[in-house]
Amino acid sequence: MATPATSQDDVCQFCQIANSQSDTEILLSDSELLCFRDVKPGAAHHYLVITRTHIDNCKALREENIPTVERMAEMGRRVLEKNKVRDLEDIRLGFHVPPFSSVPHLHLHALAPASKMNVSSQLKYGPQSHWFITVEKALSHLRTRGKIK
């Protein structure tokens, strides 16, 4: 469900960041998205891309959200490049699947280098994780099913 960020201000820490009610350093932003460092990094480079408009999580996404997800992935790649990540094949871009979302506001994780993540990070963000869906898989579900199952 998408709602204006202002209706979630008091409870959603990411809405507070989106509304400049936090001292979080914004690394990239545009009219729809913003990006900042994850406070509990799972890799040497770990950034979050969030929507300015409150969307609960990836399960709330529908086919009409495909352009937003694509822009989130592009911003994730851009922040990695901006921070000198050279091997864009050794990255992880994706979402935690509820109930394993730490913050109930849609956020894309951009991590690198994926090959150097420790065991704990592999469990949370790795290819075998049941708690993490890659951006490619999320987009595939949205294109073929209209939602993320």
Foldseek 3Di string as FASTA:
>chain_A
DWAQLVVCCVPAPVLCVLVVVDPFDWPDDDPFKTKGADPDDQAPGKMKIFTNIFDQEQQSAFLVCLVVLVVLVVVLVVVCVVVPPDDPVQWFWWGFDPPPHPTRGYIIMIHPRNVPGDPVSCCCGNPPHPGIDTSVRSSVCNVPPGGDD
